[in-house]
Amino acid sequence: GMKFGMFFIAEYAGIVLVSSLVTTLYLGGWRGP
């Protein structure tokens, strides 16, 4: 049920979190022309 769904969604949210951190820490964050 939804308890499994919470683990499932948290995994995908974790992917977005790590990708956001990579962007912020190594790829200049919001900077760009």
PDB file of all heavy atoms in Angstrom:
ATOM      1  N   GLY A   1       0.805  -1.210   0.000  1.00  0.00           N
ATOM      2  CA  GLY A   1       0.000   0.000   0.000  1.00  0.00           C
ATOM      3  C   GLY A   1       0.842   1.265   0.000  1.00  0.00           C
ATOM      4  O   GLY A   1       1.933   1.327  -0.556  1.00  0.00           O
ATOM      5  N   MET A   2       0.341   2.280   0.688  1.00  0.00           N
ATOM      6  CA  MET A   2       0.994   3.585   0.674  1.00  0.00           C
ATOM      7  C   MET A   2       2.287   3.599   1.467  1.00  0.00           C
ATOM      8  O   MET A   2       3.148   4.437   1.212  1.00  0.00           O
ATOM      9  CB  MET A   2       0.038   4.621   1.247  1.00  0.00           C
ATOM     10  CG  MET A   2      -0.322   5.803   0.353  1.00  0.00           C
ATOM     11  SD  MET A   2       0.394   5.919  -1.277  1.00  0.00           S
ATOM     12  CE  MET A   2       1.659   7.115  -1.017  1.00  0.00           C
ATOM     13  N   LYS A   3       2.465   2.675   2.396  1.00  0.00           N
ATOM     14  CA  LYS A   3       3.737   2.616   3.125  1.00  0.00           C
ATOM     15  C   LYS A   3       4.860   2.228   2.175  1.00  0.00           C
ATOM     16  O   LYS A   3       5.940   2.815   2.215  1.00  0.00           O
ATOM     17  CB  LYS A   3       3.646   1.628   4.281  1.00  0.00           C
ATOM     18  CG  LYS A   3       2.695   2.038   5.389  1.00  0.00           C
ATOM     19  CD  LYS A   3       2.787   1.070   6.549  1.00  0.00           C
ATOM     20  CE  LYS A   3       1.758   1.410   7.608  1.00  0.00           C
ATOM     21  NZ  LYS A   3       0.383   1.186   7.124  1.00  0.00           N
ATOM     22  N   PHE A   4       4.601   1.247   1.301  1.00  0.00           N
ATOM     23  CA  PHE A   4       5.577   0.932   0.260  1.00  0.00           C
ATOM     24  C   PHE A   4       5.736   2.108  -0.690  1.00  0.00           C
ATOM     25  O   PHE A   4       6.844   2.421  -1.139  1.00  0.00           O
ATOM     26  CB  PHE A   4       5.140  -0.314  -0.508  1.00  0.00           C
ATOM     27  CG  PHE A   4       5.976  -0.598  -1.725  1.00  0.00           C
ATOM     28  CD1 PHE A   4       7.223  -1.190  -1.598  1.00  0.00           C
ATOM     29  CD2 PHE A   4       5.534  -0.248  -2.993  1.00  0.00           C
ATOM     30  CE1 PHE A   4       8.007  -1.439  -2.710  1.00  0.00           C
ATOM     31  CE2 PHE A   4       6.314  -0.489  -4.113  1.00  0.00           C
ATOM     32  CZ  PHE A   4       7.543  -1.094  -3.968  1.00  0.00           C
ATOM     33  N   GLY A   5       4.620   2.772  -1.006  1.00  0.00           N
ATOM     34  CA  GLY A   5       4.676   3.926  -1.896  1.00  0.00           C
ATOM     35  C   GLY A   5       5.545   5.040  -1.348  1.00  0.00           C
ATOM     36  O   GLY A   5       6.231   5.737  -2.108  1.00  0.00           O
ATOM     37  N   MET A   6       5.561   5.223  -0.019  1.00  0.00           N
ATOM     38  CA  MET A   6       6.394   6.265   0.587  1.00  0.00           C
ATOM     39  C   MET A   6       7.873   5.948   0.396  1.00  0.00           C
ATOM     40  O   MET A   6       8.676   6.837   0.099  1.00  0.00           O
ATOM     41  CB  MET A   6       6.045   6.417   2.060  1.00  0.00           C
ATOM     42  CG  MET A   6       4.668   7.016   2.305  1.00  0.00           C
ATOM     43  SD  MET A   6       4.213   7.058   4.040  1.00  0.00           S
ATOM     44  CE  MET A   6       5.263   8.384   4.639  1.00  0.00           C
ATOM     45  N   PHE A   7       8.258   4.695   0.561  1.00  0.00           N
ATOM     46  CA  PHE A   7       9.644   4.313   0.285  1.00  0.00           C
ATOM     47  C   PHE A   7       9.980   4.548  -1.187  1.00  0.00           C
ATOM     48  O   PHE A   7      11.061   5.040  -1.532  1.00  0.00           O
ATOM     49  CB  PHE A   7       9.868   2.840   0.623  1.00  0.00           C
ATOM     50  CG  PHE A   7      10.119   2.571   2.077  1.00  0.00           C
ATOM     51  CD1 PHE A   7       9.299   1.716   2.797  1.00  0.00           C
ATOM     52  CD2 PHE A   7      11.186   3.162   2.730  1.00  0.00           C
ATOM     53  CE1 PHE A   7       9.538   1.459   4.128  1.00  0.00           C
ATOM     54  CE2 PHE A   7      11.432   2.923   4.070  1.00  0.00           C
ATOM     55  CZ  PHE A   7      10.598   2.067   4.772  1.00  0.00           C
ATOM     56  N   PHE A   8       9.039   4.195  -2.060  1.00  0.00           N
ATOM     57  CA  PHE A   8       9.240   4.306  -3.500  1.00  0.00           C
ATOM     58  C   PHE A   8       9.413   5.765  -3.920  1.00  0.00           C
ATOM     59  O   PHE A   8      10.342   6.111  -4.663  1.00  0.00           O
ATOM     60  CB  PHE A   8       8.036   3.675  -4.201  1.00  0.00           C
ATOM     61  CG  PHE A   8       8.237   3.416  -5.663  1.00  0.00           C
ATOM     62  CD1 PHE A   8       9.156   2.471  -6.101  1.00  0.00           C
ATOM     63  CD2 PHE A   8       7.511   4.108  -6.616  1.00  0.00           C
ATOM     64  CE1 PHE A   8       9.341   2.224  -7.443  1.00  0.00           C
ATOM     65  CE2 PHE A   8       7.686   3.863  -7.959  1.00  0.00           C
ATOM     66  CZ  PHE A   8       8.606   2.925  -8.379  1.00  0.00           C
ATOM     67  N   ILE A   9       8.528   6.630  -3.418  1.00  0.00           N
ATOM     68  CA  ILE A   9       8.598   8.052  -3.777  1.00  0.00           C
ATOM     69  C   ILE A   9       9.828   8.701  -3.150  1.00  0.00           C
ATOM     70  O   ILE A   9      10.476   9.561  -3.758  1.00  0.00           O
ATOM     71  CB  ILE A   9       7.309   8.766  -3.345  1.00  0.00           C
ATOM     72  CG1 ILE A   9       6.119   8.249  -4.168  1.00  0.00           C
ATOM     73  CG2 ILE A   9       7.431  10.274  -3.514  1.00  0.00           C
ATOM     74  CD1 ILE A   9       4.780   8.763  -3.709  1.00  0.00           C
ATOM     75  N   ALA A  10      10.178   8.297  -1.916  1.00  0.00           N
ATOM     76  CA  ALA A  10      11.364   8.855  -1.262  1.00  0.00           C
ATOM     77  C   ALA A  10      12.626   8.543  -2.055  1.00  0.00           C
ATOM     78  O   ALA A  10      13.558   9.354  -2.097  1.00  0.00           O
ATOM     79  CB  ALA A  10      11.485   8.306   0.159  1.00  0.00           C
ATOM     80  N   GLU A  11      12.661   7.383  -2.717  1.00  0.00           N
ATOM     81  CA  GLU A  11      13.830   7.045  -3.538  1.00  0.00           C
ATOM     82  C   GLU A  11      13.972   8.011  -4.706  1.00  0.00           C
ATOM     83  O   GLU A  11      15.069   8.504  -4.996  1.00  0.00           O
ATOM     84  CB  GLU A  11      13.706   5.612  -4.054  1.00  0.00           C
ATOM     85  CG  GLU A  11      14.845   5.209  -4.980  1.00  0.00           C
ATOM     86  CD  GLU A  11      14.683   3.802  -5.529  1.00  0.00           C
ATOM     87  OE1 GLU A  11      14.327   2.902  -4.743  1.00  0.00           O
ATOM     88  OE2 GLU A  11      14.910   3.608  -6.738  1.00  0.00           O
ATOM     89  N   TYR A  12      12.866   8.302  -5.380  1.00  0.00           N
ATOM     90  CA  TYR A  12      12.920   9.220  -6.513  1.00  0.00           C
ATOM     91  C   TYR A  12      13.189  10.650  -6.053  1.00  0.00           C
ATOM     92  O   TYR A  12      13.913  11.400  -6.723  1.00  0.00           O
ATOM     93  CB  TYR A  12      11.624   9.144  -7.318  1.00  0.00           C
ATOM     94  CG  TYR A  12      11.570   7.928  -8.201  1.00  0.00           C
ATOM     95  CD1 TYR A  12      10.958   6.763  -7.767  1.00  0.00           C
ATOM     96  CD2 TYR A  12      12.150   7.928  -9.461  1.00  0.00           C
ATOM     97  CE1 TYR A  12      10.923   5.633  -8.570  1.00  0.00           C
ATOM     98  CE2 TYR A  12      12.123   6.809 -10.270  1.00  0.00           C
ATOM     99  CZ  TYR A  12      11.506   5.657  -9.821  1.00  0.00           C
ATOM    100  OH  TYR A  12      11.490   4.547 -10.616  1.00  0.00           O
ATOM    101  N   ALA A  13      12.623  11.031  -4.904  1.00  0.00           N
ATOM    102  CA  ALA A  13      12.937  12.353  -4.361  1.00  0.00           C
ATOM    103  C   ALA A  13      14.411  12.440  -3.989  1.00  0.00           C
ATOM    104  O   ALA A  13      15.048  13.494  -4.137  1.00  0.00           O
ATOM    105  CB  ALA A  13      12.060  12.641  -3.139  1.00  0.00           C
ATOM    106  N   GLY A  14      14.986  11.329  -3.522  1.00  0.00           N
ATOM    107  CA  GLY A  14      16.413  11.303  -3.215  1.00  0.00           C
ATOM    108  C   GLY A  14      17.269  11.480  -4.456  1.00  0.00           C
ATOM    109  O   GLY A  14      18.337  12.110  -4.396  1.00  0.00           O
ATOM    110  N   ILE A  15      16.827  10.935  -5.599  1.00  0.00           N
ATOM    111  CA  ILE A  15      17.551  11.140  -6.855  1.00  0.00           C
ATOM    112  C   ILE A  15      17.579  12.626  -7.206  1.00  0.00           C
ATOM    113  O   ILE A  15      18.614  13.179  -7.587  1.00  0.00           O
ATOM    114  CB  ILE A  15      16.888  10.337  -7.991  1.00  0.00           C
ATOM    115  CG1 ILE A  15      16.994   8.847  -7.716  1.00  0.00           C
ATOM    116  CG2 ILE A  15      17.534  10.672  -9.335  1.00  0.00           C
ATOM    117  CD1 ILE A  15      16.199   8.001  -8.690  1.00  0.00           C
ATOM    118  N   VAL A  16      16.421  13.287  -7.076  1.00  0.00           N
ATOM    119  CA  VAL A  16      16.354  14.723  -7.364  1.00  0.00           C
ATOM    120  C   VAL A  16      17.231  15.497  -6.389  1.00  0.00           C
ATOM    121  O   VAL A  16      17.918  16.454  -6.780  1.00  0.00           O
ATOM    122  CB  VAL A  16      14.893  15.218  -7.292  1.00  0.00           C
ATOM    123  CG1 VAL A  16      14.823  16.710  -7.566  1.00  0.00           C
ATOM    124  CG2 VAL A  16      14.023  14.468  -8.292  1.00  0.00           C
ATOM    125  N   LEU A  17      17.260  15.077  -5.114  1.00  0.00           N
ATOM    126  CA  LEU A  17      18.072  15.766  -4.110  1.00  0.00           C
ATOM    127  C   LEU A  17      19.558  15.671  -4.446  1.00  0.00           C
ATOM    128  O   LEU A  17      20.268  16.688  -4.446  1.00  0.00           O
ATOM    129  CB  LEU A  17      17.804  15.170  -2.726  1.00  0.00           C
ATOM    130  CG  LEU A  17      18.678  15.696  -1.588  1.00  0.00           C
ATOM    131  CD1 LEU A  17      18.458  17.181  -1.366  1.00  0.00           C
ATOM    132  CD2 LEU A  17      18.426  14.912  -0.299  1.00  0.00           C
ATOM    133  N   VAL A  18      20.041  14.476  -4.731  1.00  0.00           N
ATOM    134  CA  VAL A  18      21.465  14.303  -5.056  1.00  0.00           C
ATOM    135  C   VAL A  18      21.811  15.044  -6.344  1.00  0.00           C
ATOM    136  O   VAL A  18      22.875  15.675  -6.451  1.00  0.00           O
ATOM    137  CB  VAL A  18      21.821  12.806  -5.157  1.00  0.00           C
ATOM    138  CG1 VAL A  18      23.258  12.621  -5.637  1.00  0.00           C
ATOM    139  CG2 VAL A  18      21.637  12.121  -3.809  1.00  0.00           C
ATOM    140  N   SER A  19      20.911  15.010  -7.333  1.00  0.00           N
ATOM    141  CA  SER A  19      21.154  15.741  -8.584  1.00  0.00           C
ATOM    142  C   SER A  19      21.202  17.244  -8.334  1.00  0.00           C
ATOM    143  O   SER A  19      22.028  17.951  -8.922  1.00  0.00           O
ATOM    144  CB  SER A  19      20.056  15.407  -9.598  1.00  0.00           C
ATOM    145  OG  SER A  19      20.017  14.030  -9.892  1.00  0.00           O
ATOM    146  N   SER A  20      20.328  17.737  -7.459  1.00  0.00           N
ATOM    147  CA  SER A  20      20.345  19.163  -7.099  1.00  0.00           C
ATOM    148  C   SER A  20      21.635  19.533  -6.392  1.00  0.00           C
ATOM    149  O   SER A  20      22.200  20.613  -6.615  1.00  0.00           O
ATOM    150  CB  SER A  20      19.141  19.498  -6.210  1.00  0.00           C
ATOM    151  OG  SER A  20      17.929  19.201  -6.848  1.00  0.00           O
ATOM    152  N   LEU A  21      22.129  18.636  -5.539  1.00  0.00           N
ATOM    153  CA  LEU A  21      23.389  18.897  -4.837  1.00  0.00           C
ATOM    154  C   LEU A  21      24.565  18.929  -5.805  1.00  0.00           C
ATOM    155  O   LEU A  21      25.448  19.786  -5.683  1.00  0.00           O
ATOM    156  CB  LEU A  21      23.619  17.830  -3.768  1.00  0.00           C
ATOM    157  CG  LEU A  21      22.881  18.011  -2.442  1.00  0.00           C
ATOM    158  CD1 LEU A  21      23.133  16.818  -1.531  1.00  0.00           C
ATOM    159  CD2 LEU A  21      23.303  19.299  -1.758  1.00  0.00           C
ATOM    160  N   VAL A  22      24.585  18.000  -6.758  1.00  0.00           N
ATOM    161  CA  VAL A  22      25.647  18.004  -7.767  1.00  0.00           C
ATOM    162  C   VAL A  22      25.623  19.311  -8.542  1.00  0.00           C
ATOM    163  O   VAL A  22      26.665  19.941  -8.799  1.00  0.00           O
ATOM    164  CB  VAL A  22      25.500  16.796  -8.714  1.00  0.00           C
ATOM    165  CG1 VAL A  22      26.450  16.931  -9.898  1.00  0.00           C
ATOM    166  CG2 VAL A  22      25.769  15.505  -7.972  1.00  0.00           C
ATOM    167  N   THR A  23      24.410  19.750  -8.918  1.00  0.00           N
ATOM    168  CA  THR A  23      24.266  21.015  -9.640  1.00  0.00           C
ATOM    169  C   THR A  23      24.775  22.185  -8.804  1.00  0.00           C
ATOM    170  O   THR A  23      25.499  23.061  -9.304  1.00  0.00           O
ATOM    171  CB  THR A  23      22.789  21.242 -10.004  1.00  0.00           C
ATOM    172  OG1 THR A  23      22.362  20.197 -10.882  1.00  0.00           O
ATOM    173  CG2 THR A  23      22.590  22.583 -10.682  1.00  0.00           C
ATOM    174  N   THR A  24      24.407  22.216  -7.535  1.00  0.00           N
ATOM    175  CA  THR A  24      24.777  23.336  -6.660  1.00  0.00           C
ATOM    176  C   THR A  24      26.260  23.351  -6.344  1.00  0.00           C
ATOM    177  O   THR A  24      26.904  24.409  -6.357  1.00  0.00           O
ATOM    178  CB  THR A  24      23.963  23.268  -5.360  1.00  0.00           C
ATOM    179  OG1 THR A  24      22.564  23.283  -5.671  1.00  0.00           O
ATOM    180  CG2 THR A  24      24.287  24.433  -4.445  1.00  0.00           C
ATOM    181  N   LEU A  25      26.822  22.182  -6.062  1.00  0.00           N
ATOM    182  CA  LEU A  25      28.194  22.113  -5.557  1.00  0.00           C
ATOM    183  C   LEU A  25      29.245  22.083  -6.660  1.00  0.00           C
ATOM    184  O   LEU A  25      30.370  22.552  -6.458  1.00  0.00           O
ATOM    185  CB  LEU A  25      28.358  20.873  -4.681  1.00  0.00           C
ATOM    186  CG  LEU A  25      27.460  20.809  -3.435  1.00  0.00           C
ATOM    187  CD1 LEU A  25      27.576  19.449  -2.769  1.00  0.00           C
ATOM    188  CD2 LEU A  25      27.825  21.909  -2.451  1.00  0.00           C
ATOM    189  N   TYR A  26      28.903  21.525  -7.833  1.00  0.00           N
ATOM    190  CA  TYR A  26      29.926  21.301  -8.854  1.00  0.00           C
ATOM    191  C   TYR A  26      29.605  21.916 -10.211  1.00  0.00           C
ATOM    192  O   TYR A  26      30.520  22.095 -11.024  1.00  0.00           O
ATOM    193  CB  TYR A  26      30.151  19.796  -9.041  1.00  0.00           C
ATOM    194  CG  TYR A  26      30.731  19.115  -7.830  1.00  0.00           C
ATOM    195  CD1 TYR A  26      29.918  18.387  -6.971  1.00  0.00           C
ATOM    196  CD2 TYR A  26      32.085  19.204  -7.534  1.00  0.00           C
ATOM    197  CE1 TYR A  26      30.444  17.750  -5.848  1.00  0.00           C
ATOM    198  CE2 TYR A  26      32.624  18.575  -6.429  1.00  0.00           C
ATOM    199  CZ  TYR A  26      31.792  17.856  -5.586  1.00  0.00           C
ATOM    200  OH  TYR A  26      32.321  17.244  -4.486  1.00  0.00           O
ATOM    201  N   LEU A  27      28.336  22.207 -10.482  1.00  0.00           N
ATOM    202  CA  LEU A  27      27.961  22.676 -11.821  1.00  0.00           C
ATOM    203  C   LEU A  27      27.518  24.135 -11.838  1.00  0.00           C
ATOM    204  O   LEU A  27      26.810  24.561 -12.750  1.00  0.00           O
ATOM    205  CB  LEU A  27      26.846  21.786 -12.395  1.00  0.00           C
ATOM    206  CG  LEU A  27      27.185  20.305 -12.550  1.00  0.00           C
ATOM    207  CD1 LEU A  27      25.997  19.546 -13.127  1.00  0.00           C
ATOM    208  CD2 LEU A  27      28.418  20.107 -13.427  1.00  0.00           C
ATOM    209  N   GLY A  28      27.892  24.892 -10.828  1.00  0.00           N
ATOM    210  CA  GLY A  28      27.607  26.321 -10.834  1.00  0.00           C
ATOM    211  C   GLY A  28      26.211  26.710 -10.422  1.00  0.00           C
ATOM    212  O   GLY A  28      25.840  27.886 -10.552  1.00  0.00           O
ATOM    213  N   GLY A  29      25.400  25.768  -9.959  1.00  0.00           N
ATOM    214  CA  GLY A  29      24.062  26.104  -9.482  1.00  0.00           C
ATOM    215  C   GLY A  29      23.209  26.734 -10.562  1.00  0.00           C
ATOM    216  O   GLY A  29      23.062  26.203 -11.669  1.00  0.00           O
ATOM    217  N   TRP A  30      22.663  27.892 -10.235  1.00  0.00           N
ATOM    218  CA  TRP A  30      21.765  28.585 -11.175  1.00  0.00           C
ATOM    219  C   TRP A  30      22.512  29.401 -12.221  1.00  0.00           C
ATOM    220  O   TRP A  30      21.898  30.040 -13.060  1.00  0.00           O
ATOM    221  CB  TRP A  30      20.826  29.499 -10.384  1.00  0.00           C
ATOM    222  CG  TRP A  30      21.563  30.576  -9.630  1.00  0.00           C
ATOM    223  CD1 TRP A  30      22.077  31.735 -10.143  1.00  0.00           C
ATOM    224  CD2 TRP A  30      21.884  30.586  -8.243  1.00  0.00           C
ATOM    225  NE1 TRP A  30      22.691  32.468  -9.168  1.00  0.00           N
ATOM    226  CE2 TRP A  30      22.592  31.781  -7.973  1.00  0.00           C
ATOM    227  CE3 TRP A  30      21.642  29.708  -7.183  1.00  0.00           C
ATOM    228  CZ2 TRP A  30      23.048  32.115  -6.711  1.00  0.00           C
ATOM    229  CZ3 TRP A  30      22.102  30.035  -5.924  1.00  0.00           C
ATOM    230  CH2 TRP A  30      22.807  31.228  -5.694  1.00  0.00           C
ATOM    231  N   ARG A  31      23.831  29.407 -12.203  1.00  0.00           N
ATOM    232  CA  ARG A  31      24.605  30.262 -13.107  1.00  0.00           C
ATOM    233  C   ARG A  31      24.598  29.723 -14.534  1.00  0.00           C
ATOM    234  O   ARG A  31      24.710  28.517 -14.758  1.00  0.00           O
ATOM    235  CB  ARG A  31      26.046  30.374 -12.619  1.00  0.00           C
ATOM    236  CG  ARG A  31      26.165  31.103 -11.301  1.00  0.00           C
ATOM    237  CD  ARG A  31      27.611  31.336 -10.927  1.00  0.00           C
ATOM    238  NE  ARG A  31      27.693  32.192  -9.753  1.00  0.00           N
ATOM    239  CZ  ARG A  31      27.626  33.514  -9.798  1.00  0.00           C
ATOM    240  NH1 ARG A  31      27.480  34.120 -10.959  1.00  0.00           N
ATOM    241  NH2 ARG A  31      27.700  34.231  -8.690  1.00  0.00           N
ATOM    242  N   GLY A  32      24.482  30.654 -15.492  1.00  0.00           N
ATOM    243  CA  GLY A  32      24.520  30.306 -16.897  1.00  0.00           C
ATOM    244  C   GLY A  32      24.116  31.501 -17.745  1.00  0.00           C
ATOM    245  O   GLY A  32      23.432  32.406 -17.264  1.00  0.00           O
ATOM    246  N   PRO A  33      24.515  31.520 -19.010  1.00  0.00           N
ATOM    247  CA  PRO A  33      24.211  32.678 -19.870  1.00  0.00           C
ATOM    248  C   PRO A  33      22.797  32.624 -20.442  1.00  0.00           C
ATOM    249  O   PRO A  33      22.200  31.562 -20.570  1.00  0.00           O
ATOM    250  CB  PRO A  33      25.251  32.543 -20.990  1.00  0.00           C
ATOM    251  CG  PRO A  33      25.494  31.062 -21.076  1.00  0.00           C
ATOM    252  CD  PRO A  33      25.365  30.532 -19.680  1.00  0.00           C
TER     253      PRO A  33
END
